[in-house]
Amino acid sequence: MIVTGIFGIIEGIVAIANDEVYQRVGNYTFKFDLTAWGWIHLIVGILVVCAGAAILKGWEAGRYAGIALTSLYVILHFMWLPYQPLWSIIAIAIGVFVIWALCTDVPRTAKP
């Protein structure tokens, strides 16, 4: 989860710094300026990294935040499909796997 968040941060920085890296889209329903998309990716990436760190620390709320933020990450990459089709499909698959892993994790009991 932390790695996918870092990828989101990198995507955001690249989109903010250089609009010409990503392909231009014709008429697309969710067409924003690439700088706006960059900021969205950057913010969501930072939040996903924070949720991943909370999960590694063992915080129960981190799991729920991780599920919610990874779901947002998947939706974001679905809307990002016209800009980076192959990477978006890979990111969606990774996100679905992370959501599955977080939902099926068995809580550990405290050892005496």
PDB file of N, CA and C in Angstrom:
ATOM      1  N   MET A   1       0.827  -1.181   0.000  1.00  0.00           N
ATOM      2  CA  MET A   1       0.000   0.000   0.000  1.00  0.00           C
ATOM      3  C   MET A   1       0.873   1.248   0.000  1.00  0.00           C
ATOM      4  N   ILE A   2       1.947   1.205   0.752  1.00  0.00           N
ATOM      5  CA  ILE A   2       2.855   2.348   0.783  1.00  0.00           C
ATOM      6  C   ILE A   2       3.487   2.547  -0.595  1.00  0.00           C
ATOM      7  N   VAL A   3       3.825   1.447  -1.254  1.00  0.00           N
ATOM      8  CA  VAL A   3       4.435   1.546  -2.583  1.00  0.00           C
ATOM      9  C   VAL A   3       3.457   2.158  -3.586  1.00  0.00           C
ATOM     10  N   THR A   4       2.187   1.760  -3.544  1.00  0.00           N
ATOM     11  CA  THR A   4       1.217   2.355  -4.466  1.00  0.00           C
ATOM     12  C   THR A   4       1.014   3.834  -4.166  1.00  0.00           C
ATOM     13  N   GLY A   5       1.075   4.196  -2.889  1.00  0.00           N
ATOM     14  CA  GLY A   5       0.991   5.610  -2.531  1.00  0.00           C
ATOM     15  C   GLY A   5       2.174   6.399  -3.062  1.00  0.00           C
ATOM     16  N   ILE A   6       3.362   5.797  -2.995  1.00  0.00           N
ATOM     17  CA  ILE A   6       4.555   6.466  -3.528  1.00  0.00           C
ATOM     18  C   ILE A   6       4.436   6.627  -5.039  1.00  0.00           C
ATOM     19  N   PHE A   7       3.911   5.601  -5.716  1.00  0.00           N
ATOM     20  CA  PHE A   7       3.682   5.734  -7.162  1.00  0.00           C
ATOM     21  C   PHE A   7       2.706   6.865  -7.456  1.00  0.00           C
ATOM     22  N   GLY A   8       1.661   6.990  -6.641  1.00  0.00           N
ATOM     23  CA  GLY A   8       0.705   8.087  -6.807  1.00  0.00           C
ATOM     24  C   GLY A   8       1.360   9.440  -6.607  1.00  0.00           C
ATOM     25  N   ILE A   9       2.255   9.534  -5.624  1.00  0.00           N
ATOM     26  CA  ILE A   9       2.985  10.783  -5.385  1.00  0.00           C
ATOM     27  C   ILE A   9       3.854  11.126  -6.588  1.00  0.00           C
ATOM     28  N   ILE A  10       4.535  10.129  -7.129  1.00  0.00           N
ATOM     29  CA  ILE A  10       5.390  10.364  -8.303  1.00  0.00           C
ATOM     30  C   ILE A  10       4.545  10.795  -9.497  1.00  0.00           C
ATOM     31  N   GLU A  11       3.405  10.124  -9.724  1.00  0.00           N
ATOM     32  CA  GLU A  11       2.501  10.529 -10.811  1.00  0.00           C
ATOM     33  C   GLU A  11       2.061  11.972 -10.648  1.00  0.00           C
ATOM     34  N   GLY A  12       1.730  12.333  -9.427  1.00  0.00           N
ATOM     35  CA  GLY A  12       1.287  13.700  -9.161  1.00  0.00           C
ATOM     36  C   GLY A  12       2.371  14.722  -9.422  1.00  0.00           C
ATOM     37  N   ILE A  13       3.574  14.443  -8.955  1.00  0.00           N
ATOM     38  CA  ILE A  13       4.682  15.379  -9.161  1.00  0.00           C
ATOM     39  C   ILE A  13       4.979  15.543 -10.644  1.00  0.00           C
ATOM     40  N   VAL A  14       4.970  14.435 -11.381  1.00  0.00           N
ATOM     41  CA  VAL A  14       5.241  14.507 -12.825  1.00  0.00           C
ATOM     42  C   VAL A  14       4.160  15.309 -13.535  1.00  0.00           C
ATOM     43  N   ALA A  15       2.897  15.089 -13.186  1.00  0.00           N
ATOM     44  CA  ALA A  15       1.804  15.820 -13.843  1.00  0.00           C
ATOM     45  C   ALA A  15       1.836  17.304 -13.495  1.00  0.00           C
ATOM     46  N   ILE A  16       2.267  17.647 -12.277  1.00  0.00           N
ATOM     47  CA  ILE A  16       2.366  19.053 -11.888  1.00  0.00           C
ATOM     48  C   ILE A  16       3.543  19.718 -12.586  1.00  0.00           C
ATOM     49  N   ALA A  17       4.674  19.023 -12.635  1.00  0.00           N
ATOM     50  CA  ALA A  17       5.901  19.617 -13.168  1.00  0.00           C
ATOM     51  C   ALA A  17       5.901  19.732 -14.688  1.00  0.00           C
ATOM     52  N   ASN A  18       5.364  18.719 -15.379  1.00  0.00           N
ATOM     53  CA  ASN A  18       5.459  18.703 -16.835  1.00  0.00           C
ATOM     54  C   ASN A  18       4.174  18.119 -17.418  1.00  0.00           C
ATOM     55  N   ASP A  19       3.324  18.975 -17.946  1.00  0.00           N
ATOM     56  CA  ASP A  19       2.044  18.528 -18.504  1.00  0.00           C
ATOM     57  C   ASP A  19       2.193  17.674 -19.758  1.00  0.00           C
ATOM     58  N   GLU A  20       3.340  17.695 -20.401  1.00  0.00           N
ATOM     59  CA  GLU A  20       3.501  17.017 -21.683  1.00  0.00           C
ATOM     60  C   GLU A  20       3.892  15.550 -21.547  1.00  0.00           C
ATOM     61  N   VAL A  21       4.034  15.054 -20.332  1.00  0.00           N
ATOM     62  CA  VAL A  21       4.391  13.653 -20.145  1.00  0.00           C
ATOM     63  C   VAL A  21       3.208  12.750 -20.479  1.00  0.00           C
ATOM     64  N   TYR A  22       2.009  13.180 -20.119  1.00  0.00           N
ATOM     65  CA  TYR A  22       0.818  12.374 -20.340  1.00  0.00           C
ATOM     66  C   TYR A  22       0.139  12.787 -21.637  1.00  0.00           C
ATOM     67  N   GLN A  23      -0.504  11.823 -22.285  1.00  0.00           N
ATOM     68  CA  GLN A  23      -1.161  12.106 -23.558  1.00  0.00           C
ATOM     69  C   GLN A  23      -2.379  12.992 -23.353  1.00  0.00           C
ATOM     70  N   ARG A  24      -2.709  13.733 -24.364  1.00  0.00           N
ATOM     71  CA  ARG A  24      -3.895  14.596 -24.323  1.00  0.00           C
ATOM     72  C   ARG A  24      -5.124  13.785 -24.696  1.00  0.00           C
ATOM     73  N   VAL A  25      -6.229  14.142 -24.099  1.00  0.00           N
ATOM     74  CA  VAL A  25      -7.480  13.427 -24.315  1.00  0.00           C
ATOM     75  C   VAL A  25      -8.447  14.352 -25.025  1.00  0.00           C
ATOM     76  N   GLY A  26      -9.250  13.794 -25.943  1.00  0.00           N
ATOM     77  CA  GLY A  26     -10.255  14.591 -26.641  1.00  0.00           C
ATOM     78  C   GLY A  26     -11.407  14.938 -25.720  1.00  0.00           C
ATOM     79  N   ASN A  27     -12.605  14.546 -26.076  1.00  0.00           N
ATOM     80  CA  ASN A  27     -13.777  14.785 -25.232  1.00  0.00           C
ATOM     81  C   ASN A  27     -13.885  13.669 -24.203  1.00  0.00           C
ATOM     82  N   TYR A  28     -13.598  14.002 -22.983  1.00  0.00           N
ATOM     83  CA  TYR A  28     -13.617  13.044 -21.893  1.00  0.00           C
ATOM     84  C   TYR A  28     -14.426  13.650 -20.761  1.00  0.00           C
ATOM     85  N   THR A  29     -15.293  12.864 -20.158  1.00  0.00           N
ATOM     86  CA  THR A  29     -16.210  13.371 -19.141  1.00  0.00           C
ATOM     87  C   THR A  29     -15.480  13.993 -17.963  1.00  0.00           C
ATOM     88  N   PHE A  30     -14.416  13.357 -17.501  1.00  0.00           N
ATOM     89  CA  PHE A  30     -13.685  13.834 -16.332  1.00  0.00           C
ATOM     90  C   PHE A  30     -12.425  14.578 -16.734  1.00  0.00           C
ATOM     91  N   LYS A  31     -12.515  15.384 -17.772  1.00  0.00           N
ATOM     92  CA  LYS A  31     -11.343  16.089 -18.270  1.00  0.00           C
ATOM     93  C   LYS A  31     -11.056  17.295 -17.376  1.00  0.00           C
ATOM     94  N   PHE A  32      -9.928  17.222 -16.683  1.00  0.00           N
ATOM     95  CA  PHE A  32      -9.432  18.327 -15.886  1.00  0.00           C
ATOM     96  C   PHE A  32      -8.101  18.751 -16.483  1.00  0.00           C
ATOM     97  N   ASP A  33      -7.613  19.874 -16.043  1.00  0.00           N
ATOM     98  CA  ASP A  33      -6.261  20.277 -16.380  1.00  0.00           C
ATOM     99  C   ASP A  33      -5.309  19.246 -15.766  1.00  0.00           C
ATOM    100  N   LEU A  34      -4.227  18.907 -16.465  1.00  0.00           N
ATOM    101  CA  LEU A  34      -3.310  17.901 -15.940  1.00  0.00           C
ATOM    102  C   LEU A  34      -2.671  18.328 -14.627  1.00  0.00           C
ATOM    103  N   THR A  35      -2.532  19.625 -14.418  1.00  0.00           N
ATOM    104  CA  THR A  35      -2.005  20.089 -13.135  1.00  0.00           C
ATOM    105  C   THR A  35      -2.985  19.755 -12.012  1.00  0.00           C
ATOM    106  N   ALA A  36      -4.272  19.902 -12.269  1.00  0.00           N
ATOM    107  CA  ALA A  36      -5.281  19.531 -11.268  1.00  0.00           C
ATOM    108  C   ALA A  36      -5.229  18.034 -10.987  1.00  0.00           C
ATOM    109  N   TRP A  37      -5.113  17.225 -12.051  1.00  0.00           N
ATOM    110  CA  TRP A  37      -4.972  15.787 -11.861  1.00  0.00           C
ATOM    111  C   TRP A  37      -3.719  15.482 -11.052  1.00  0.00           C
ATOM    112  N   GLY A  38      -2.647  16.226 -11.311  1.00  0.00           N
ATOM    113  CA  GLY A  38      -1.407  16.019 -10.569  1.00  0.00           C
ATOM    114  C   GLY A  38      -1.590  16.264  -9.084  1.00  0.00           C
ATOM    115  N   TRP A  39      -2.281  17.347  -8.737  1.00  0.00           N
ATOM    116  CA  TRP A  39      -2.528  17.638  -7.325  1.00  0.00           C
ATOM    117  C   TRP A  39      -3.411  16.573  -6.689  1.00  0.00           C
ATOM    118  N   ILE A  40      -4.401  16.087  -7.434  1.00  0.00           N
ATOM    119  CA  ILE A  40      -5.272  15.030  -6.906  1.00  0.00           C
ATOM    120  C   ILE A  40      -4.457  13.772  -6.628  1.00  0.00           C
ATOM    121  N   HIS A  41      -3.607  13.371  -7.582  1.00  0.00           N
ATOM    122  CA  HIS A  41      -2.757  12.193  -7.391  1.00  0.00           C
ATOM    123  C   HIS A  41      -1.801  12.386  -6.221  1.00  0.00           C
ATOM    124  N   LEU A  42      -1.231  13.564  -6.114  1.00  0.00           N
ATOM    125  CA  LEU A  42      -0.282  13.842  -5.037  1.00  0.00           C
ATOM    126  C   LEU A  42      -0.954  13.729  -3.670  1.00  0.00           C
ATOM    127  N   ILE A  43      -2.110  14.341  -3.516  1.00  0.00           N
ATOM    128  CA  ILE A  43      -2.810  14.326  -2.224  1.00  0.00           C
ATOM    129  C   ILE A  43      -3.274  12.914  -1.863  1.00  0.00           C
ATOM    130  N   VAL A  44      -3.871  12.221  -2.822  1.00  0.00           N
ATOM    131  CA  VAL A  44      -4.334  10.854  -2.545  1.00  0.00           C
ATOM    132  C   VAL A  44      -3.143   9.940  -2.264  1.00  0.00           C
ATOM    133  N   GLY A  45      -2.049  10.114  -2.987  1.00  0.00           N
ATOM    134  CA  GLY A  45      -0.845   9.316  -2.739  1.00  0.00           C
ATOM    135  C   GLY A  45      -0.297   9.520  -1.338  1.00  0.00           C
ATOM    136  N   ILE A  46      -0.254  10.764  -0.878  1.00  0.00           N
ATOM    137  CA  ILE A  46       0.224  11.049   0.480  1.00  0.00           C
ATOM    138  C   ILE A  46      -0.694  10.404   1.513  1.00  0.00           C
ATOM    139  N   LEU A  47      -2.002  10.499   1.295  1.00  0.00           N
ATOM    140  CA  LEU A  47      -2.952   9.896   2.236  1.00  0.00           C
ATOM    141  C   LEU A  47      -2.837   8.370   2.259  1.00  0.00           C
ATOM    142  N   VAL A  48      -2.605   7.760   1.097  1.00  0.00           N
ATOM    143  CA  VAL A  48      -2.450   6.302   1.036  1.00  0.00           C
ATOM    144  C   VAL A  48      -1.176   5.878   1.767  1.00  0.00           C
ATOM    145  N   VAL A  49      -0.096   6.630   1.610  1.00  0.00           N
ATOM    146  CA  VAL A  49       1.145   6.317   2.330  1.00  0.00           C
ATOM    147  C   VAL A  49       0.919   6.426   3.839  1.00  0.00           C
ATOM    148  N   CYS A  50       0.222   7.456   4.281  1.00  0.00           N
ATOM    149  CA  CYS A  50      -0.067   7.625   5.716  1.00  0.00           C
ATOM    150  C   CYS A  50      -0.917   6.473   6.246  1.00  0.00           C
ATOM    151  N   ALA A  51      -1.910   6.047   5.480  1.00  0.00           N
ATOM    152  CA  ALA A  51      -2.742   4.915   5.902  1.00  0.00           C
ATOM    153  C   ALA A  51      -1.920   3.629   5.945  1.00  0.00           C
ATOM    154  N   GLY A  52      -1.031   3.447   4.982  1.00  0.00           N
ATOM    155  CA  GLY A  52      -0.154   2.277   4.992  1.00  0.00           C
ATOM    156  C   GLY A  52       0.763   2.262   6.206  1.00  0.00           C
ATOM    157  N   ALA A  53       1.275   3.427   6.576  1.00  0.00           N
ATOM    158  CA  ALA A  53       2.116   3.518   7.775  1.00  0.00           C
ATOM    159  C   ALA A  53       1.306   3.198   9.027  1.00  0.00           C
ATOM    160  N   ALA A  54       0.052   3.645   9.067  1.00  0.00           N
ATOM    161  CA  ALA A  54      -0.813   3.344  10.214  1.00  0.00           C
ATOM    162  C   ALA A  54      -1.080   1.846  10.314  1.00  0.00           C
ATOM    163  N   ILE A  55      -1.231   1.193   9.176  1.00  0.00           N
ATOM    164  CA  ILE A  55      -1.445  -0.259   9.178  1.00  0.00           C
ATOM    165  C   ILE A  55      -0.200  -0.970   9.692  1.00  0.00           C
ATOM    166  N   LEU A  56       0.976  -0.519   9.251  1.00  0.00           N
ATOM    167  CA  LEU A  56       2.215  -1.138   9.720  1.00  0.00           C
ATOM    168  C   LEU A  56       2.414  -0.947  11.222  1.00  0.00           C
ATOM    169  N   LYS A  57       1.902   0.144  11.761  1.00  0.00           N
ATOM    170  CA  LYS A  57       1.987   0.372  13.209  1.00  0.00           C
ATOM    171  C   LYS A  57       0.955  -0.450  13.977  1.00  0.00           C
ATOM    172  N   GLY A  58       0.029  -1.081  13.266  1.00  0.00           N
ATOM    173  CA  GLY A  58      -0.958  -1.936  13.905  1.00  0.00           C
ATOM    174  C   GLY A  58      -2.222  -1.227  14.349  1.00  0.00           C
ATOM    175  N   TRP A  59      -2.459  -0.050  13.873  1.00  0.00           N
ATOM    176  CA  TRP A  59      -3.662   0.692  14.254  1.00  0.00           C
ATOM    177  C   TRP A  59      -4.862   0.117  13.516  1.00  0.00           C
ATOM    178  N   GLU A  60      -5.908  -0.193  14.264  1.00  0.00           N
ATOM    179  CA  GLU A  60      -7.132  -0.747  13.661  1.00  0.00           C
ATOM    180  C   GLU A  60      -7.780   0.254  12.712  1.00  0.00           C
ATOM    181  N   ALA A  61      -7.759   1.526  13.082  1.00  0.00           N
ATOM    182  CA  ALA A  61      -8.346   2.558  12.219  1.00  0.00           C
ATOM    183  C   ALA A  61      -7.591   2.657  10.897  1.00  0.00           C
ATOM    184  N   GLY A  62      -6.332   2.261  10.893  1.00  0.00           N
ATOM    185  CA  GLY A  62      -5.545   2.277   9.666  1.00  0.00           C
ATOM    186  C   GLY A  62      -6.106   1.339   8.613  1.00  0.00           C
ATOM    187  N   ARG A  63      -6.637   0.192   9.065  1.00  0.00           N
ATOM    188  CA  ARG A  63      -7.256  -0.744   8.116  1.00  0.00           C
ATOM    189  C   ARG A  63      -8.450  -0.123   7.427  1.00  0.00           C
ATOM    190  N   TYR A  64      -9.309   0.524   8.213  1.00  0.00           N
ATOM    191  CA  TYR A  64     -10.510   1.125   7.632  1.00  0.00           C
ATOM    192  C   TYR A  64     -10.151   2.307   6.735  1.00  0.00           C
ATOM    193  N   ALA A  65      -9.203   3.095   7.175  1.00  0.00           N
ATOM    194  CA  ALA A  65      -8.741   4.206   6.337  1.00  0.00           C
ATOM    195  C   ALA A  65      -8.080   3.666   5.075  1.00  0.00           C
ATOM    196  N   GLY A  66      -7.345   2.577   5.209  1.00  0.00           N
ATOM    197  CA  GLY A  66      -6.697   1.965   4.054  1.00  0.00           C
ATOM    198  C   GLY A  66      -7.697   1.461   3.031  1.00  0.00           C
ATOM    199  N   ILE A  67      -8.767   0.840   3.506  1.00  0.00           N
ATOM    200  CA  ILE A  67      -9.808   0.359   2.593  1.00  0.00           C
ATOM    201  C   ILE A  67     -10.464   1.533   1.879  1.00  0.00           C
ATOM    202  N   ALA A  68     -10.802   2.573   2.632  1.00  0.00           N
ATOM    203  CA  ALA A  68     -11.465   3.742   2.031  1.00  0.00           C
ATOM    204  C   ALA A  68     -10.544   4.461   1.049  1.00  0.00           C
ATOM    205  N   LEU A  69      -9.297   4.682   1.442  1.00  0.00           N
ATOM    206  CA  LEU A  69      -8.380   5.425   0.572  1.00  0.00           C
ATOM    207  C   LEU A  69      -7.959   4.609  -0.645  1.00  0.00           C
ATOM    208  N   THR A  70      -7.804   3.301  -0.477  1.00  0.00           N
ATOM    209  CA  THR A  70      -7.472   2.474  -1.634  1.00  0.00           C
ATOM    210  C   THR A  70      -8.655   2.399  -2.593  1.00  0.00           C
ATOM    211  N   SER A  71      -9.867   2.407  -2.068  1.00  0.00           N
ATOM    212  CA  SER A  71     -11.048   2.474  -2.942  1.00  0.00           C
ATOM    213  C   SER A  71     -11.049   3.776  -3.729  1.00  0.00           C
ATOM    214  N   LEU A  72     -10.723   4.871  -3.058  1.00  0.00           N
ATOM    215  CA  LEU A  72     -10.607   6.161  -3.741  1.00  0.00           C
ATOM    216  C   LEU A  72      -9.500   6.115  -4.790  1.00  0.00           C
ATOM    217  N   TYR A  73      -8.397   5.458  -4.469  1.00  0.00           N
ATOM    218  CA  TYR A  73      -7.269   5.297  -5.385  1.00  0.00           C
ATOM    219  C   TYR A  73      -7.700   4.526  -6.642  1.00  0.00           C
ATOM    220  N   VAL A  74      -8.505   3.478  -6.456  1.00  0.00           N
ATOM    221  CA  VAL A  74      -8.997   2.691  -7.598  1.00  0.00           C
ATOM    222  C   VAL A  74      -9.924   3.538  -8.469  1.00  0.00           C
ATOM    223  N   ILE A  75     -10.828   4.276  -7.844  1.00  0.00           N
ATOM    224  CA  ILE A  75     -11.738   5.146  -8.602  1.00  0.00           C
ATOM    225  C   ILE A  75     -10.953   6.213  -9.351  1.00  0.00           C
ATOM    226  N   LEU A  76      -9.953   6.781  -8.696  1.00  0.00           N
ATOM    227  CA  LEU A  76      -9.108   7.796  -9.322  1.00  0.00           C
ATOM    228  C   LEU A  76      -8.413   7.242 -10.559  1.00  0.00           C
ATOM    229  N   HIS A  77      -7.888   6.028 -10.465  1.00  0.00           N
ATOM    230  CA  HIS A  77      -7.212   5.451 -11.625  1.00  0.00           C
ATOM    231  C   HIS A  77      -8.197   5.017 -12.709  1.00  0.00           C
ATOM    232  N   PHE A  78      -9.424   4.699 -12.335  1.00  0.00           N
ATOM    233  CA  PHE A  78     -10.435   4.431 -13.355  1.00  0.00           C
ATOM    234  C   PHE A  78     -10.691   5.696 -14.178  1.00  0.00           C
ATOM    235  N   MET A  79     -10.759   6.829 -13.500  1.00  0.00           N
ATOM    236  CA  MET A  79     -10.963   8.098 -14.213  1.00  0.00           C
ATOM    237  C   MET A  79      -9.699   8.532 -14.953  1.00  0.00           C
ATOM    238  N   TRP A  80      -8.553   8.014 -14.584  1.00  0.00           N
ATOM    239  CA  TRP A  80      -7.259   8.352 -15.185  1.00  0.00           C
ATOM    240  C   TRP A  80      -6.962   7.468 -16.397  1.00  0.00           C
ATOM    241  N   LEU A  81      -7.818   6.479 -16.685  1.00  0.00           N
ATOM    242  CA  LEU A  81      -7.598   5.530 -17.788  1.00  0.00           C
ATOM    243  C   LEU A  81      -7.249   6.176 -19.128  1.00  0.00           C
ATOM    244  N   PRO A  82      -7.922   7.239 -19.569  1.00  0.00           N
ATOM    245  CA  PRO A  82      -7.578   7.803 -20.874  1.00  0.00           C
ATOM    246  C   PRO A  82      -6.178   8.414 -20.940  1.00  0.00           C
ATOM    247  N   TYR A  83      -5.622   8.794 -19.799  1.00  0.00           N
ATOM    248  CA  TYR A  83      -4.300   9.421 -19.794  1.00  0.00           C
ATOM    249  C   TYR A  83      -3.176   8.386 -19.773  1.00  0.00           C
ATOM    250  N   GLN A  84      -3.313   7.354 -18.981  1.00  0.00           N
ATOM    251  CA  GLN A  84      -2.315   6.294 -18.861  1.00  0.00           C
ATOM    252  C   GLN A  84      -3.032   4.946 -18.781  1.00  0.00           C
ATOM    253  N   PRO A  85      -3.469   4.393 -19.910  1.00  0.00           N
ATOM    254  CA  PRO A  85      -4.317   3.191 -19.874  1.00  0.00           C
ATOM    255  C   PRO A  85      -3.656   1.969 -19.226  1.00  0.00           C
ATOM    256  N   LEU A  86      -2.446   1.639 -19.638  1.00  0.00           N
ATOM    257  CA  LEU A  86      -1.805   0.430 -19.125  1.00  0.00           C
ATOM    258  C   LEU A  86      -1.508   0.556 -17.633  1.00  0.00           C
ATOM    259  N   TRP A  87      -0.911   1.669 -17.231  1.00  0.00           N
ATOM    260  CA  TRP A  87      -0.592   1.843 -15.823  1.00  0.00           C
ATOM    261  C   TRP A  87      -1.863   1.900 -14.970  1.00  0.00           C
ATOM    262  N   SER A  88      -2.918   2.506 -15.479  1.00  0.00           N
ATOM    263  CA  SER A  88      -4.162   2.586 -14.713  1.00  0.00           C
ATOM    264  C   SER A  88      -4.752   1.204 -14.466  1.00  0.00           C
ATOM    265  N   ILE A  89      -4.700   0.337 -15.461  1.00  0.00           N
ATOM    266  CA  ILE A  89      -5.210  -1.027 -15.288  1.00  0.00           C
ATOM    267  C   ILE A  89      -4.382  -1.774 -14.250  1.00  0.00           C
ATOM    268  N   ILE A  90      -3.061  -1.610 -14.301  1.00  0.00           N
ATOM    269  CA  ILE A  90      -2.186  -2.244 -13.313  1.00  0.00           C
ATOM    270  C   ILE A  90      -2.480  -1.690 -11.913  1.00  0.00           C
ATOM    271  N   ALA A  91      -2.629  -0.368 -11.800  1.00  0.00           N
ATOM    272  CA  ALA A  91      -2.898   0.259 -10.502  1.00  0.00           C
ATOM    273  C   ALA A  91      -4.251  -0.177  -9.950  1.00  0.00           C
ATOM    274  N   ILE A  92      -5.245  -0.322 -10.814  1.00  0.00           N
ATOM    275  CA  ILE A  92      -6.560  -0.791 -10.367  1.00  0.00           C
ATOM    276  C   ILE A  92      -6.454  -2.221  -9.842  1.00  0.00           C
ATOM    277  N   ALA A  93      -5.724  -3.078 -10.549  1.00  0.00           N
ATOM    278  CA  ALA A  93      -5.556  -4.467 -10.104  1.00  0.00           C
ATOM    279  C   ALA A  93      -4.833  -4.527  -8.758  1.00  0.00           C
ATOM    280  N   ILE A  94      -3.786  -3.729  -8.594  1.00  0.00           N
ATOM    281  CA  ILE A  94      -3.068  -3.695  -7.318  1.00  0.00           C
ATOM    282  C   ILE A  94      -3.984  -3.173  -6.215  1.00  0.00           C
ATOM    283  N   GLY A  95      -4.752  -2.133  -6.519  1.00  0.00           N
ATOM    284  CA  GLY A  95      -5.669  -1.574  -5.531  1.00  0.00           C
ATOM    285  C   GLY A  95      -6.720  -2.568  -5.085  1.00  0.00           C
ATOM    286  N   VAL A  96      -7.281  -3.314  -6.028  1.00  0.00           N
ATOM    287  CA  VAL A  96      -8.283  -4.328  -5.681  1.00  0.00           C
ATOM    288  C   VAL A  96      -7.650  -5.410  -4.807  1.00  0.00           C
ATOM    289  N   PHE A  97      -6.418  -5.792  -5.115  1.00  0.00           N
ATOM    290  CA  PHE A  97      -5.719  -6.777  -4.291  1.00  0.00           C
ATOM    291  C   PHE A  97      -5.485  -6.247  -2.876  1.00  0.00           C
ATOM    292  N   VAL A  98      -5.096  -4.990  -2.753  1.00  0.00           N
ATOM    293  CA  VAL A  98      -4.875  -4.387  -1.430  1.00  0.00           C
ATOM    294  C   VAL A  98      -6.181  -4.351  -0.639  1.00  0.00           C
ATOM    295  N   ILE A  99      -7.277  -3.969  -1.293  1.00  0.00           N
ATOM    296  CA  ILE A  99      -8.578  -3.943  -0.613  1.00  0.00           C
ATOM    297  C   ILE A  99      -8.952  -5.345  -0.141  1.00  0.00           C
ATOM    298  N   TRP A 100      -8.756  -6.340  -0.999  1.00  0.00           N
ATOM    299  CA  TRP A 100      -9.040  -7.719  -0.615  1.00  0.00           C
ATOM    300  C   TRP A 100      -8.193  -8.126   0.588  1.00  0.00           C
ATOM    301  N   ALA A 101      -6.905  -7.800   0.562  1.00  0.00           N
ATOM    302  CA  ALA A 101      -6.011  -8.171   1.661  1.00  0.00           C
ATOM    303  C   ALA A 101      -6.424  -7.499   2.969  1.00  0.00           C
ATOM    304  N   LEU A 102      -6.825  -6.244   2.894  1.00  0.00           N
ATOM    305  CA  LEU A 102      -7.239  -5.537   4.109  1.00  0.00           C
ATOM    306  C   LEU A 102      -8.565  -6.059   4.650  1.00  0.00           C
ATOM    307  N   CYS A 103      -9.455  -6.472   3.761  1.00  0.00           N
ATOM    308  CA  CYS A 103     -10.769  -6.965   4.200  1.00  0.00           C
ATOM    309  C   CYS A 103     -10.705  -8.381   4.763  1.00  0.00           C
ATOM    310  N   THR A 104      -9.771  -9.192   4.311  1.00  0.00           N
ATOM    311  CA  THR A 104      -9.701 -10.580   4.751  1.00  0.00           C
ATOM    312  C   THR A 104      -8.669 -10.802   5.844  1.00  0.00           C
ATOM    313  N   ASP A 105      -7.999  -9.763   6.290  1.00  0.00           N
ATOM    314  CA  ASP A 105      -6.992  -9.889   7.338  1.00  0.00           C
ATOM    315  C   ASP A 105      -7.662 -10.286   8.649  1.00  0.00           C
ATOM    316  N   VAL A 106      -7.105 -11.277   9.302  1.00  0.00           N
ATOM    317  CA  VAL A 106      -7.629 -11.726  10.586  1.00  0.00           C
ATOM    318  C   VAL A 106      -6.945 -10.912  11.684  1.00  0.00           C
ATOM    319  N   PRO A 107      -7.735 -10.236  12.533  1.00  0.00           N
ATOM    320  CA  PRO A 107      -7.116  -9.460  13.615  1.00  0.00           C
ATOM    321  C   PRO A 107      -6.329 -10.366  14.560  1.00  0.00           C
ATOM    322  N   ARG A 108      -5.188  -9.916  14.953  1.00  0.00           N
ATOM    323  CA  ARG A 108      -4.332 -10.691  15.841  1.00  0.00           C
ATOM    324  C   ARG A 108      -4.677 -10.364  17.290  1.00  0.00           C
ATOM    325  N   THR A 109      -4.676 -11.383  18.115  1.00  0.00           N
ATOM    326  CA  THR A 109      -4.947 -11.153  19.533  1.00  0.00           C
ATOM    327  C   THR A 109      -3.648 -10.814  20.241  1.00  0.00           C
ATOM    328  N   ALA A 110      -3.767 -10.067  21.308  1.00  0.00           N
ATOM    329  CA  ALA A 110      -2.580  -9.677  22.072  1.00  0.00           C
ATOM    330  C   ALA A 110      -2.033 -10.892  22.817  1.00  0.00           C
ATOM    331  N   LYS A 111      -0.723 -11.028  22.805  1.00  0.00           N
ATOM    332  CA  LYS A 111      -0.083 -12.132  23.517  1.00  0.00           C
ATOM    333  C   LYS A 111       0.195 -11.703  24.953  1.00  0.00           C
ATOM    334  N   PRO A 112       0.015 -12.631  25.906  1.00  0.00           N
ATOM    335  CA  PRO A 112       0.259 -12.262  27.319  1.00  0.00           C
ATOM    336  C   PRO A 112       1.721 -12.084  27.636  1.00  0.00           C
TER     337      PRO A 112
END
